[in-house]
Amino acid sequence: MSEEASVRPMARVLVFVYGTLKSGQPNHGVLRDSAHGQAALRGPGRTRERFPLVIAGPHNVPFLLRRPGCGHRVRGEVYAVDGALLSFLDDFEDCPHMYQRTPAAVVLDGDGGEEGRTVECWLYSTESFPPEWARLPHLEDYDSQGAHGLRYNPRENR
């Protein structure tokens, strides 16, 4: 058996995105760029547990604070990603420094036949943050152009 034939691709895992990686948001192209790996949209969803989703820092970055039970059931999208893209996302999200990749239960929305189904996903949240972030307005659904008026500053502009 050739070495190539003995290498099995890593199974896809589910990742929940709630901020700039969502469809229509500034960093969504990262999920669509096949040079980083493969992603397939499973559909919209929301966290089963409540979390504070805030916009913070000098670049108005969305952060899901690791404080279960506070905030809202956050809306986002579920993607099935391969190992290459998961590794890329870890780097992109500066994991484990800025964000930590943790498991979370997500309830699927939509009309794709899976509405109400709970799936286990990875999500990028932060466990260490300035105390004042917990007092920022908690969002249910992030939009970089939202009524909050806090425009995201893309990495290429920093």
N, C-alpha and C. Protein backbone atom coordinates (compact mmCIF):
# COMPACT_ATOMS: atom_id res chain seq x y z
N MET A 1 0.85 -1.17 0.00
CA MET A 1 0.00 0.00 0.00
C MET A 1 0.90 1.24 0.00
N SER A 2 0.55 2.19 -0.83
CA SER A 2 1.36 3.41 -0.90
C SER A 2 1.14 4.24 0.35
N GLU A 3 2.13 5.11 0.63
CA GLU A 3 2.02 6.00 1.78
C GLU A 3 0.81 6.90 1.64
N GLU A 4 0.56 7.37 0.41
CA GLU A 4 -0.57 8.25 0.17
C GLU A 4 -1.89 7.56 0.48
N ALA A 5 -2.02 6.29 0.10
CA ALA A 5 -3.26 5.56 0.34
C ALA A 5 -3.48 5.29 1.82
N SER A 6 -2.41 5.25 2.61
CA SER A 6 -2.57 4.95 4.03
C SER A 6 -2.94 6.18 4.86
N VAL A 7 -2.86 7.34 4.25
CA VAL A 7 -3.21 8.58 4.97
C VAL A 7 -4.70 8.82 4.80
N ARG A 8 -5.41 8.83 5.89
CA ARG A 8 -6.85 9.09 5.85
C ARG A 8 -7.12 10.54 6.21
N PRO A 9 -7.98 11.19 5.45
CA PRO A 9 -8.30 12.57 5.81
C PRO A 9 -9.04 12.61 7.14
N MET A 10 -8.77 13.67 7.90
CA MET A 10 -9.44 13.83 9.19
C MET A 10 -10.93 14.05 8.96
N ALA A 11 -11.73 13.43 9.78
CA ALA A 11 -13.18 13.62 9.70
C ALA A 11 -13.52 15.09 9.95
N ARG A 12 -14.60 15.50 9.38
CA ARG A 12 -15.05 16.86 9.60
C ARG A 12 -15.62 17.02 11.00
N VAL A 13 -15.44 18.20 11.54
CA VAL A 13 -16.01 18.53 12.84
C VAL A 13 -16.89 19.76 12.65
N LEU A 14 -17.78 20.00 13.60
CA LEU A 14 -18.68 21.14 13.52
C LEU A 14 -18.10 22.32 14.29
N VAL A 15 -18.20 23.49 13.67
CA VAL A 15 -17.74 24.74 14.28
C VAL A 15 -18.90 25.73 14.21
N PHE A 16 -19.15 26.40 15.32
CA PHE A 16 -20.20 27.42 15.41
C PHE A 16 -19.53 28.79 15.32
N VAL A 17 -19.95 29.60 14.35
CA VAL A 17 -19.41 30.96 14.21
C VAL A 17 -20.54 31.95 14.49
N TYR A 18 -20.21 33.01 15.21
CA TYR A 18 -21.22 33.97 15.67
C TYR A 18 -20.83 35.41 15.39
N GLY A 19 -19.65 35.65 14.83
CA GLY A 19 -19.16 37.01 14.66
C GLY A 19 -18.75 37.31 13.23
N THR A 20 -17.52 37.75 13.06
CA THR A 20 -17.06 38.21 11.75
C THR A 20 -16.88 37.09 10.73
N LEU A 21 -16.98 35.83 11.14
CA LEU A 21 -16.87 34.71 10.20
C LEU A 21 -18.22 34.31 9.59
N LYS A 22 -19.33 34.85 10.10
CA LYS A 22 -20.65 34.52 9.57
C LYS A 22 -20.81 35.05 8.15
N SER A 23 -21.77 34.49 7.44
CA SER A 23 -22.13 34.97 6.10
C SER A 23 -22.42 36.47 6.16
N GLY A 24 -21.90 37.20 5.17
CA GLY A 24 -22.15 38.63 5.09
C GLY A 24 -21.29 39.48 6.01
N GLN A 25 -20.40 38.85 6.76
CA GLN A 25 -19.55 39.59 7.70
C GLN A 25 -18.12 39.68 7.15
N PRO A 26 -17.30 40.59 7.71
CA PRO A 26 -16.00 40.91 7.11
C PRO A 26 -15.02 39.75 6.92
N ASN A 27 -15.03 38.74 7.76
CA ASN A 27 -14.06 37.65 7.63
C ASN A 27 -14.65 36.36 7.09
N HIS A 28 -15.85 36.42 6.54
CA HIS A 28 -16.49 35.20 6.04
C HIS A 28 -15.67 34.52 4.94
N GLY A 29 -14.93 35.30 4.17
CA GLY A 29 -14.12 34.74 3.09
C GLY A 29 -13.13 33.68 3.56
N VAL A 30 -12.73 33.76 4.82
CA VAL A 30 -11.82 32.76 5.39
C VAL A 30 -12.42 31.36 5.28
N LEU A 31 -13.73 31.24 5.50
CA LEU A 31 -14.40 29.94 5.43
C LEU A 31 -14.60 29.48 3.99
N ARG A 32 -14.61 30.39 3.06
CA ARG A 32 -14.85 30.06 1.66
C ARG A 32 -13.56 29.85 0.87
N ASP A 33 -12.42 30.18 1.44
CA ASP A 33 -11.14 30.05 0.73
C ASP A 33 -10.64 28.62 0.87
N SER A 34 -10.73 27.84 -0.19
CA SER A 34 -10.36 26.42 -0.13
C SER A 34 -8.87 26.23 0.12
N ALA A 35 -8.07 27.28 0.00
CA ALA A 35 -6.64 27.17 0.32
C ALA A 35 -6.44 26.88 1.80
N HIS A 36 -7.42 27.24 2.64
CA HIS A 36 -7.34 27.01 4.08
C HIS A 36 -7.91 25.66 4.49
N GLY A 37 -8.69 25.04 3.61
CA GLY A 37 -9.37 23.79 3.93
C GLY A 37 -10.81 23.88 3.44
N GLN A 38 -11.61 22.91 3.85
CA GLN A 38 -12.98 22.81 3.36
C GLN A 38 -14.00 23.09 4.46
N ALA A 39 -15.04 23.83 4.10
CA ALA A 39 -16.15 24.12 5.02
C ALA A 39 -17.46 23.94 4.28
N ALA A 40 -18.42 23.36 4.96
CA ALA A 40 -19.77 23.22 4.41
C ALA A 40 -20.76 23.74 5.44
N LEU A 41 -21.60 24.67 5.03
CA LEU A 41 -22.61 25.23 5.92
C LEU A 41 -23.64 24.17 6.26
N ARG A 42 -23.85 23.93 7.55
CA ARG A 42 -24.92 23.03 8.01
C ARG A 42 -26.21 23.81 8.23
N GLY A 43 -26.06 25.09 8.58
CA GLY A 43 -27.24 25.92 8.76
C GLY A 43 -27.13 26.85 9.94
N PRO A 44 -28.15 27.68 10.11
CA PRO A 44 -28.16 28.60 11.25
C PRO A 44 -28.46 27.84 12.54
N GLY A 45 -28.03 28.45 13.63
CA GLY A 45 -28.30 27.86 14.94
C GLY A 45 -28.11 28.88 16.03
N ARG A 46 -28.32 28.41 17.25
CA ARG A 46 -28.09 29.27 18.41
C ARG A 46 -27.60 28.39 19.55
N THR A 47 -26.79 28.99 20.40
CA THR A 47 -26.27 28.22 21.53
C THR A 47 -27.42 27.75 22.41
N ARG A 48 -27.30 26.54 22.93
CA ARG A 48 -28.35 26.04 23.83
C ARG A 48 -28.30 26.80 25.15
N GLU A 49 -27.09 27.14 25.56
CA GLU A 49 -26.89 27.89 26.80
C GLU A 49 -26.74 29.37 26.47
N ARG A 50 -27.03 30.20 27.44
CA ARG A 50 -26.88 31.65 27.27
C ARG A 50 -25.43 32.04 27.53
N PHE A 51 -24.94 33.00 26.73
CA PHE A 51 -23.60 33.56 26.89
C PHE A 51 -23.66 35.05 26.60
N PRO A 52 -22.76 35.84 27.22
CA PRO A 52 -22.65 37.25 26.84
C PRO A 52 -21.82 37.38 25.55
N LEU A 53 -22.41 37.94 24.53
CA LEU A 53 -21.71 38.28 23.29
C LEU A 53 -21.57 39.79 23.31
N VAL A 54 -20.32 40.26 23.30
CA VAL A 54 -20.05 41.69 23.41
C VAL A 54 -19.14 42.14 22.28
N ILE A 55 -19.13 43.44 22.04
CA ILE A 55 -18.18 44.05 21.11
C ILE A 55 -17.21 44.83 21.97
N ALA A 56 -15.92 44.50 21.84
CA ALA A 56 -14.95 45.08 22.78
C ALA A 56 -13.60 45.33 22.10
N GLY A 57 -12.78 46.05 22.84
CA GLY A 57 -11.41 46.33 22.40
C GLY A 57 -11.35 47.47 21.42
N PRO A 58 -10.13 47.89 21.09
CA PRO A 58 -9.96 49.06 20.22
C PRO A 58 -10.41 48.82 18.78
N HIS A 59 -10.58 47.54 18.38
CA HIS A 59 -10.96 47.23 17.00
C HIS A 59 -12.41 46.74 16.88
N ASN A 60 -13.18 46.87 17.98
CA ASN A 60 -14.59 46.48 17.98
C ASN A 60 -14.79 45.04 17.52
N VAL A 61 -14.10 44.15 18.20
CA VAL A 61 -14.14 42.72 17.90
C VAL A 61 -15.28 42.08 18.70
N PRO A 62 -16.05 41.18 18.06
CA PRO A 62 -17.07 40.44 18.83
C PRO A 62 -16.40 39.34 19.67
N PHE A 63 -16.75 39.28 20.92
CA PHE A 63 -16.24 38.26 21.84
C PHE A 63 -17.40 37.55 22.51
N LEU A 64 -17.38 36.25 22.51
CA LEU A 64 -18.31 35.47 23.30
C LEU A 64 -17.59 35.17 24.60
N LEU A 65 -18.07 35.74 25.69
CA LEU A 65 -17.42 35.58 26.98
C LEU A 65 -17.82 34.25 27.60
N ARG A 66 -16.85 33.54 28.11
CA ARG A 66 -17.10 32.22 28.70
C ARG A 66 -17.71 32.39 30.08
N ARG A 67 -18.96 32.85 30.10
CA ARG A 67 -19.74 33.00 31.32
C ARG A 67 -21.11 32.39 31.06
N PRO A 68 -21.19 31.05 31.01
CA PRO A 68 -22.47 30.40 30.71
C PRO A 68 -23.56 30.84 31.68
N GLY A 69 -24.76 30.98 31.16
CA GLY A 69 -25.90 31.36 31.97
C GLY A 69 -26.19 32.85 31.95
N CYS A 70 -25.27 33.66 31.44
CA CYS A 70 -25.47 35.11 31.32
C CYS A 70 -25.70 35.43 29.85
N GLY A 71 -26.38 36.53 29.60
CA GLY A 71 -26.54 36.98 28.22
C GLY A 71 -27.68 36.33 27.50
N HIS A 72 -27.43 35.93 26.25
CA HIS A 72 -28.47 35.40 25.36
C HIS A 72 -28.06 34.05 24.80
N ARG A 73 -29.02 33.38 24.22
CA ARG A 73 -28.72 32.23 23.37
C ARG A 73 -28.26 32.83 22.05
N VAL A 74 -26.97 32.79 21.81
CA VAL A 74 -26.35 33.52 20.71
C VAL A 74 -26.65 32.85 19.36
N ARG A 75 -27.02 33.68 18.39
CA ARG A 75 -27.30 33.20 17.03
C ARG A 75 -26.01 33.17 16.21
N GLY A 76 -25.92 32.18 15.33
CA GLY A 76 -24.77 32.08 14.45
C GLY A 76 -25.01 31.03 13.39
N GLU A 77 -23.92 30.47 12.87
CA GLU A 77 -23.99 29.46 11.81
C GLU A 77 -23.10 28.28 12.18
N VAL A 78 -23.55 27.10 11.77
CA VAL A 78 -22.80 25.87 12.01
C VAL A 78 -22.17 25.42 10.69
N TYR A 79 -20.87 25.17 10.73
CA TYR A 79 -20.14 24.67 9.56
C TYR A 79 -19.48 23.35 9.91
N ALA A 80 -19.46 22.45 8.95
CA ALA A 80 -18.66 21.23 9.03
C ALA A 80 -17.33 21.57 8.37
N VAL A 81 -16.23 21.46 9.10
CA VAL A 81 -14.92 21.83 8.57
C VAL A 81 -13.96 20.65 8.67
N ASP A 82 -12.99 20.64 7.77
CA ASP A 82 -11.98 19.59 7.83
C ASP A 82 -10.84 20.00 8.76
N GLY A 83 -9.92 19.09 8.98
CA GLY A 83 -8.81 19.34 9.91
C GLY A 83 -7.93 20.51 9.50
N ALA A 84 -7.70 20.67 8.20
CA ALA A 84 -6.86 21.78 7.73
C ALA A 84 -7.50 23.11 8.09
N LEU A 85 -8.79 23.24 7.86
CA LEU A 85 -9.46 24.51 8.17
C LEU A 85 -9.56 24.73 9.67
N LEU A 86 -9.80 23.68 10.44
CA LEU A 86 -9.84 23.83 11.89
C LEU A 86 -8.50 24.35 12.41
N SER A 87 -7.42 23.80 11.91
CA SER A 87 -6.08 24.27 12.30
C SER A 87 -5.88 25.73 11.90
N PHE A 88 -6.32 26.09 10.67
CA PHE A 88 -6.21 27.47 10.22
C PHE A 88 -7.02 28.39 11.12
N LEU A 89 -8.25 27.97 11.47
CA LEU A 89 -9.09 28.80 12.34
C LEU A 89 -8.47 29.00 13.71
N ASP A 90 -7.80 27.96 14.24
CA ASP A 90 -7.11 28.12 15.52
C ASP A 90 -6.08 29.25 15.43
N ASP A 91 -5.32 29.26 14.34
CA ASP A 91 -4.33 30.34 14.14
C ASP A 91 -5.02 31.68 13.92
N PHE A 92 -6.04 31.69 13.09
CA PHE A 92 -6.76 32.92 12.75
C PHE A 92 -7.36 33.56 14.00
N GLU A 93 -7.88 32.72 14.91
CA GLU A 93 -8.51 33.20 16.14
C GLU A 93 -7.51 33.36 17.28
N ASP A 94 -6.22 33.21 16.98
CA ASP A 94 -5.15 33.34 17.97
C ASP A 94 -5.44 32.46 19.19
N CYS A 95 -5.80 31.23 18.89
CA CYS A 95 -6.12 30.25 19.93
C CYS A 95 -4.81 29.59 20.39
N PRO A 96 -4.54 29.52 21.65
CA PRO A 96 -5.42 29.72 22.79
C PRO A 96 -5.25 31.07 23.50
N HIS A 97 -4.60 32.04 22.89
CA HIS A 97 -4.31 33.30 23.59
C HIS A 97 -5.51 34.25 23.62
N MET A 98 -6.00 34.64 22.44
CA MET A 98 -7.11 35.58 22.40
C MET A 98 -8.44 34.85 22.63
N TYR A 99 -8.61 33.74 21.95
CA TYR A 99 -9.81 32.91 22.11
C TYR A 99 -9.37 31.51 22.49
N GLN A 100 -10.28 30.77 23.10
CA GLN A 100 -10.06 29.36 23.38
C GLN A 100 -11.15 28.60 22.63
N ARG A 101 -10.76 27.48 22.02
CA ARG A 101 -11.74 26.65 21.30
C ARG A 101 -12.33 25.67 22.31
N THR A 102 -13.63 25.79 22.54
CA THR A 102 -14.31 24.97 23.54
C THR A 102 -15.56 24.36 22.93
N PRO A 103 -16.00 23.21 23.46
CA PRO A 103 -17.23 22.59 22.95
C PRO A 103 -18.46 23.29 23.50
N ALA A 104 -19.51 23.30 22.70
CA ALA A 104 -20.78 23.87 23.14
C ALA A 104 -21.92 23.20 22.38
N ALA A 105 -23.05 23.09 23.02
CA ALA A 105 -24.25 22.55 22.39
C ALA A 105 -24.93 23.68 21.62
N VAL A 106 -25.28 23.39 20.36
CA VAL A 106 -25.94 24.37 19.49
C VAL A 106 -27.21 23.74 18.95
N VAL A 107 -28.30 24.49 19.01
CA VAL A 107 -29.59 24.03 18.49
C VAL A 107 -29.74 24.58 17.08
N LEU A 108 -29.93 23.69 16.11
CA LEU A 108 -30.06 24.09 14.72
C LEU A 108 -31.42 24.74 14.47
N ASP A 109 -31.41 25.80 13.67
CA ASP A 109 -32.62 26.51 13.25
C ASP A 109 -32.85 26.18 11.77
N GLY A 110 -33.84 26.80 11.21
CA GLY A 110 -34.06 26.70 9.77
C GLY A 110 -35.02 25.59 9.42
N ASP A 111 -35.14 25.39 8.11
CA ASP A 111 -36.11 24.43 7.62
C ASP A 111 -35.45 23.28 6.85
N GLY A 112 -34.22 22.97 7.17
CA GLY A 112 -33.51 21.91 6.47
C GLY A 112 -33.78 20.53 7.02
N GLY A 113 -34.83 20.36 7.80
CA GLY A 113 -35.15 19.06 8.35
C GLY A 113 -34.46 18.78 9.67
N GLU A 114 -33.57 19.68 10.08
CA GLU A 114 -32.84 19.47 11.33
C GLU A 114 -33.23 20.48 12.40
N GLU A 115 -34.26 21.26 12.15
CA GLU A 115 -34.67 22.29 13.10
C GLU A 115 -34.94 21.67 14.47
N GLY A 116 -34.34 22.28 15.48
CA GLY A 116 -34.52 21.82 16.85
C GLY A 116 -33.51 20.75 17.27
N ARG A 117 -32.75 20.24 16.33
CA ARG A 117 -31.74 19.22 16.66
C ARG A 117 -30.55 19.90 17.34
N THR A 118 -30.05 19.28 18.41
CA THR A 118 -28.89 19.80 19.12
C THR A 118 -27.65 19.06 18.65
N VAL A 119 -26.61 19.85 18.29
CA VAL A 119 -25.35 19.27 17.85
C VAL A 119 -24.22 19.84 18.71
N GLU A 120 -23.19 19.06 18.88
CA GLU A 120 -22.00 19.50 19.63
C GLU A 120 -21.05 20.17 18.65
N CYS A 121 -20.67 21.40 18.93
CA CYS A 121 -19.80 22.18 18.05
C CYS A 121 -18.61 22.73 18.84
N TRP A 122 -17.57 23.05 18.11
CA TRP A 122 -16.51 23.88 18.67
C TRP A 122 -16.94 25.32 18.48
N LEU A 123 -16.60 26.17 19.44
CA LEU A 123 -16.76 27.60 19.26
C LEU A 123 -15.57 28.30 19.90
N TYR A 124 -15.31 29.50 19.42
CA TYR A 124 -14.19 30.29 19.93
C TYR A 124 -14.75 31.33 20.89
N SER A 125 -14.37 31.20 22.15
CA SER A 125 -14.81 32.13 23.19
C SER A 125 -13.58 32.54 23.99
N THR A 126 -13.78 33.45 24.92
CA THR A 126 -12.66 33.86 25.75
C THR A 126 -13.01 33.70 27.23
N GLU A 127 -12.07 33.13 27.96
CA GLU A 127 -12.24 32.92 29.40
C GLU A 127 -11.60 34.02 30.22
N SER A 128 -10.63 34.71 29.63
CA SER A 128 -9.94 35.77 30.36
C SER A 128 -10.16 37.09 29.62
N PHE A 129 -10.79 38.01 30.32
CA PHE A 129 -11.14 39.30 29.72
C PHE A 129 -11.22 40.34 30.83
N PRO A 130 -11.06 41.61 30.47
CA PRO A 130 -11.19 42.66 31.47
C PRO A 130 -12.58 42.63 32.10
N PRO A 131 -12.68 42.81 33.41
CA PRO A 131 -13.99 42.73 34.10
C PRO A 131 -15.05 43.65 33.50
N GLU A 132 -14.65 44.80 32.98
CA GLU A 132 -15.64 45.73 32.44
C GLU A 132 -16.34 45.19 31.18
N TRP A 133 -15.72 44.22 30.50
CA TRP A 133 -16.37 43.64 29.33
C TRP A 133 -17.68 42.96 29.69
N ALA A 134 -17.75 42.38 30.86
CA ALA A 134 -18.98 41.68 31.28
C ALA A 134 -20.14 42.66 31.44
N ARG A 135 -19.83 43.95 31.59
CA ARG A 135 -20.88 44.96 31.75
C ARG A 135 -21.28 45.64 30.44
N LEU A 136 -20.62 45.26 29.35
CA LEU A 136 -20.98 45.81 28.04
C LEU A 136 -22.33 45.23 27.60
N PRO A 137 -23.01 45.90 26.67
CA PRO A 137 -24.29 45.35 26.18
C PRO A 137 -24.09 43.95 25.60
N HIS A 138 -25.00 43.05 25.96
CA HIS A 138 -24.95 41.67 25.48
C HIS A 138 -25.82 41.57 24.23
N LEU A 139 -25.24 41.05 23.17
CA LEU A 139 -25.95 40.89 21.90
C LEU A 139 -26.47 39.46 21.75
N GLU A 140 -27.53 39.32 21.02
CA GLU A 140 -28.04 37.99 20.66
C GLU A 140 -27.52 37.58 19.29
N ASP A 141 -27.29 38.57 18.42
CA ASP A 141 -26.89 38.32 17.04
C ASP A 141 -25.95 39.43 16.61
N TYR A 142 -24.75 39.08 16.17
CA TYR A 142 -23.75 40.07 15.77
C TYR A 142 -23.90 40.43 14.31
N ASP A 143 -23.79 41.72 14.02
CA ASP A 143 -23.71 42.25 12.66
C ASP A 143 -22.72 43.40 12.72
N SER A 144 -21.67 43.32 11.91
CA SER A 144 -20.63 44.36 11.95
C SER A 144 -21.17 45.73 11.56
N GLN A 145 -22.30 45.76 10.87
CA GLN A 145 -22.91 47.03 10.46
C GLN A 145 -24.17 47.32 11.28
N GLY A 146 -24.30 46.68 12.44
CA GLY A 146 -25.50 46.78 13.26
C GLY A 146 -25.76 48.15 13.85
N ALA A 147 -26.92 48.27 14.45
CA ALA A 147 -27.37 49.53 15.07
C ALA A 147 -26.48 49.94 16.23
N HIS A 148 -25.65 49.05 16.73
CA HIS A 148 -24.73 49.38 17.84
C HIS A 148 -23.74 50.46 17.44
N GLY A 149 -23.47 50.63 16.13
CA GLY A 149 -22.57 51.67 15.65
C GLY A 149 -21.09 51.40 15.89
N LEU A 150 -20.74 50.21 16.35
CA LEU A 150 -19.34 49.86 16.64
C LEU A 150 -18.78 49.08 15.46
N ARG A 151 -18.24 49.79 14.50
CA ARG A 151 -17.76 49.16 13.26
C ARG A 151 -16.47 48.39 13.52
N TYR A 152 -16.46 47.15 13.06
CA TYR A 152 -15.29 46.27 13.16
C TYR A 152 -14.16 46.85 12.32
N ASN A 153 -12.96 46.85 12.91
CA ASN A 153 -11.77 47.31 12.20
C ASN A 153 -11.02 46.08 11.69
N PRO A 154 -11.07 45.80 10.38
CA PRO A 154 -10.42 44.59 9.85
C PRO A 154 -8.91 44.57 10.11
N ARG A 155 -8.39 43.37 10.22
CA ARG A 155 -6.96 43.18 10.51
C ARG A 155 -6.05 43.94 9.55
N GLU A 156 -6.43 43.96 8.28
CA GLU A 156 -5.58 44.62 7.29
C GLU A 156 -5.51 46.13 7.49
N ASN A 157 -6.38 46.71 8.30
CA ASN A 157 -6.37 48.15 8.58
C ASN A 157 -5.69 48.50 9.90
N ARG A 158 -5.24 47.51 10.64
CA ARG A 158 -4.69 47.78 11.97
C ARG A 158 -3.22 48.13 11.92
